[in-house]
Protein backbone atom coordinates (compact mmCIF):
# COMPACT_ATOMS: atom_id res chain seq x y z
CA MET A 1 0.00 0.00 0.00
CA THR A 2 1.30 3.40 -0.88
CA ASN A 3 1.02 6.59 1.08
CA PRO A 4 -0.80 9.59 -0.35
CA PRO A 5 1.31 12.53 -1.49
CA PRO A 6 2.04 15.11 1.20
CA PRO A 7 -0.09 18.25 1.16
CA GLY A 8 1.24 21.44 -0.34
CA ASP A 9 4.10 21.96 -2.78
CA TRP A 10 6.64 19.86 -0.91
CA ASN A 11 7.74 16.71 -2.72
CA ASP A 12 9.11 13.68 -0.93
CA PRO A 13 11.88 12.07 -2.98
CA THR A 14 11.24 8.65 -1.40
CA TRP A 15 7.63 8.65 -2.41
CA SER A 16 6.74 7.17 -5.72
CA THR A 17 3.45 7.13 -7.56
CA GLN A 18 4.22 3.80 -9.17
CA PRO A 19 4.29 0.63 -7.05
CA SER A 20 7.64 -1.13 -7.10
CA SER A 21 6.12 -4.54 -7.83
CA THR A 22 2.82 -6.05 -8.79
CA PRO A 23 0.37 -6.42 -5.90
CA PRO A 24 -0.10 -9.96 -4.57
CA ASP A 25 -3.22 -11.85 -5.54
CA PRO A 26 -5.58 -11.85 -2.50
CA THR A 27 -7.05 -15.22 -3.51
CA LEU A 28 -3.67 -16.97 -3.20
CA VAL A 29 -1.69 -17.64 -0.02
CA ALA A 30 1.80 -19.06 -0.52
CA GLY A 31 0.79 -20.03 -4.02
CA GLN A 32 -2.25 -22.01 -2.81
CA PRO A 33 -5.86 -20.87 -3.21
CA VAL A 34 -7.52 -19.45 -0.09
CA PRO A 35 -10.37 -21.64 1.17
CA ALA A 36 -13.79 -20.02 1.09
CA GLN A 37 -14.84 -18.45 4.38
CA PRO A 38 -18.10 -19.54 5.97
CA GLY A 39 -20.95 -17.08 5.82
CA PRO A 40 -21.81 -14.76 8.67
CA VAL A 41 -23.01 -16.55 11.82
CA ASP A 42 -25.82 -15.09 13.91
CA PRO A 43 -24.54 -15.22 17.53
CA TYR A 44 -28.12 -14.81 18.78
CA ALA A 45 -29.61 -17.68 16.83
CA PRO A 46 -31.30 -20.28 19.08
CA VAL A 47 -29.23 -23.37 19.78
CA ASP A 48 -30.58 -26.70 21.01
CA PRO A 49 -28.42 -27.53 24.08
CA TYR A 50 -29.70 -31.13 24.05
CA ALA A 51 -28.92 -31.84 20.39
CA GLY A 52 -26.32 -34.52 21.20
CA ALA A 53 -28.31 -36.05 24.06
CA LYS A 54 -31.46 -37.02 22.15
CA LEU A 55 -32.45 -40.67 22.27
CA ALA A 56 -33.85 -42.76 19.49
CA PRO A 57 -37.62 -43.29 19.67
CA GLY A 58 -38.47 -46.28 21.92
CA ALA A 59 -35.00 -46.41 23.51
CA PRO A 60 -34.99 -46.76 27.32
CA VAL A 61 -34.28 -43.56 29.23
CA PRO A 62 -31.36 -43.95 31.66
CA GLY A 63 -32.39 -43.59 35.32
CA TYR A 64 -36.07 -44.30 34.65
CA ALA A 65 -37.89 -47.58 34.91
CA PRO A 66 -40.29 -48.87 32.28
CA PRO A 67 -44.01 -48.29 32.84
CA GLY A 68 -45.44 -50.34 35.70
CA TYR A 69 -42.21 -50.35 37.71
CA PRO A 70 -41.28 -47.77 40.38
CA ALA A 71 -38.65 -45.28 39.34
CA PRO A 72 -35.29 -45.79 41.05
CA GLY A 73 -34.97 -43.73 44.23
CA TYR A 74 -38.71 -43.10 44.51
CA ALA A 75 -41.44 -44.75 46.51
CA PRO A 76 -43.86 -46.99 44.61
CA ALA A 77 -47.00 -45.49 43.15
CA GLY A 78 -49.82 -44.99 45.61
CA TYR A 79 -47.77 -43.08 48.17
CA PRO A 80 -50.18 -40.67 49.89
CA PRO A 81 -49.90 -36.99 48.92
CA GLN A 82 -48.59 -34.42 51.34
CA TYR A 83 -51.07 -32.98 53.76
CA PRO A 84 -52.25 -29.43 53.12
CA GLY A 85 -50.29 -26.90 55.12
CA TYR A 86 -47.30 -29.22 55.41
CA GLY A 87 -43.98 -27.43 55.99
CA TYR A 88 -43.04 -24.56 58.22
CA PRO A 89 -45.80 -23.33 60.50
CA ALA A 90 -47.07 -19.81 60.10
CA PRO A 91 -45.47 -17.39 62.58
CA ARG A 92 -47.56 -16.69 65.64
CA LYS A 93 -48.90 -13.23 66.35
CA THR A 94 -47.11 -11.15 69.00
CA ASN A 95 -49.30 -9.63 71.69
CA GLY A 96 -49.62 -5.86 71.17
CA LEU A 97 -49.83 -5.09 74.90
CA ALA A 98 -46.52 -6.88 75.45
CA ILE A 99 -44.87 -4.60 72.88
CA ALA A 100 -46.51 -1.50 74.42
CA SER A 101 -45.44 -2.64 77.90
CA LEU A 102 -41.78 -2.87 76.96
CA VAL A 103 -41.84 0.39 75.00
CA LEU A 104 -43.49 2.37 77.82
CA ALA A 105 -41.17 0.87 80.43
CA LEU A 106 -38.10 1.86 78.40
CA VAL A 107 -39.48 5.33 77.64
CA GLY A 108 -39.69 5.71 81.43
CA LEU A 109 -35.88 6.02 81.41
CA THR A 110 -36.12 9.31 79.53
CA SER A 111 -39.42 10.59 80.92
CA CYS A 112 -38.29 10.65 84.57
CA GLY A 113 -40.20 7.43 85.22
CA ILE A 114 -43.68 8.73 84.41
CA THR A 115 -44.52 6.00 81.85
CA ALA A 116 -42.71 3.17 83.68
CA PRO A 117 -45.59 2.14 86.01
CA ILE A 118 -47.98 2.14 83.04
CA GLY A 119 -45.59 -0.19 81.20
CA ALA A 120 -45.37 -2.51 84.22
CA ILE A 121 -49.16 -2.72 84.57
CA LEU A 122 -49.58 -3.34 80.84
CA GLY A 123 -47.01 -6.14 81.16
CA HIS A 124 -49.17 -7.89 83.75
CA VAL A 125 -52.27 -7.56 81.52
CA ALA A 126 -50.29 -8.81 78.50
CA GLN A 127 -49.10 -11.90 80.41
CA LYS A 128 -52.71 -12.76 81.28
CA GLN A 129 -53.77 -12.38 77.64
CA ILE A 130 -50.81 -14.46 76.40
CA ARG A 131 -51.66 -17.33 78.75
CA ALA A 132 -55.27 -17.29 77.50
CA SER A 133 -54.61 -16.92 73.75
CA GLY A 134 -51.21 -18.59 73.25
CA GLU A 135 -49.74 -15.58 71.43
CA ASP A 136 -46.04 -14.74 71.39
CA GLY A 137 -44.54 -11.90 73.44
CA GLU A 138 -44.19 -13.44 76.88
CA GLY A 139 -40.56 -12.34 77.13
CA MET A 140 -41.41 -8.77 76.14
CA ALA A 141 -44.21 -8.65 78.71
CA LYS A 142 -41.88 -9.96 81.43
CA ALA A 143 -39.18 -7.45 80.46
CA GLY A 144 -41.76 -4.65 80.54
CA ILE A 145 -42.82 -5.69 84.04
CA ILE A 146 -39.25 -5.91 85.38
CA VAL A 147 -37.96 -2.70 83.80
CA GLY A 148 -41.16 -0.81 84.60
CA TRP A 149 -41.17 -1.68 88.31
CA ILE A 150 -37.41 -1.04 88.69
CA ILE A 151 -37.73 2.42 87.13
CA THR A 152 -40.85 3.11 89.20
CA ALA A 153 -38.98 2.14 92.39
CA LEU A 154 -36.06 4.39 91.43
CA MET A 155 -38.51 7.22 90.73
CA VAL A 156 -40.18 6.77 94.16
CA LEU A 157 -36.77 6.68 95.88
CA GLY A 158 -35.74 9.83 94.03
CA ILE A 159 -38.90 11.66 95.07
CA ALA A 160 -38.47 10.49 98.68
CA ALA A 161 -34.85 11.68 98.71
CA TYR A 162 -35.91 15.04 97.26
CA VAL A 163 -38.61 15.47 99.93
CA ALA A 164 -36.16 14.46 102.68
CA ILE A 165 -33.62 17.03 101.48
CA ILE A 166 -36.30 19.76 101.50
CA ILE A 167 -37.48 18.80 105.01
CA PHE A 168 -33.90 18.72 106.26
CA ALA A 169 -33.18 22.11 104.72
CA VAL A 170 -36.33 23.66 106.24
CA ALA A 171 -35.69 22.19 109.70
CA ASN A 172 -32.03 23.19 109.90
CA GLY A 173 -32.10 26.35 107.93
CA SER A 174 -31.72 29.78 109.49
CA SER A 175 -34.70 32.02 109.14
CA SER A 176 -34.02 35.38 107.65
CA SER A 177 -37.30 36.81 108.94
CA SER A 178 -36.21 36.82 112.57
CA SER A 179 -34.82 40.15 113.63
CA SER A 180 -32.52 40.89 116.46
CA TYR A 181 -33.44 44.02 118.51
């Protein structure tokens, strides 16, 4: 292949307009004719993946027994079908009062204990409902009871300590209203 002439008036002395030899014949390679190339292949054409695995009609299928005999690895015909609902059981419902009990008991930590006794009482009611209905949530109800009563007790102790400090301060404090004449 030859290069085109350079643009402008400049002439390249190494460039020639005539090829130095005759071009090779594209249909011959090393003096032998080039074999014809196959036509274009559609890469998206459907292909049968089981083309080599097909059996002749009437030939026995490997791994399967003839009609009237049980298939290998399977129980004989007549095995009873599975019962409806067979498998994992549906999850049980969690008692809503048990959830509310635990939430209110824990909120009592941030609300200075105001909601903690409500959570403890709801925990007792939730336990009674759970025993009667068989719902889930017994652990949450028990946790609501324990946390609720502990926070309630701490709240009562805090109020008692506050009242004791006030009484102590009033009893031992000096009165500024008394005058000395």
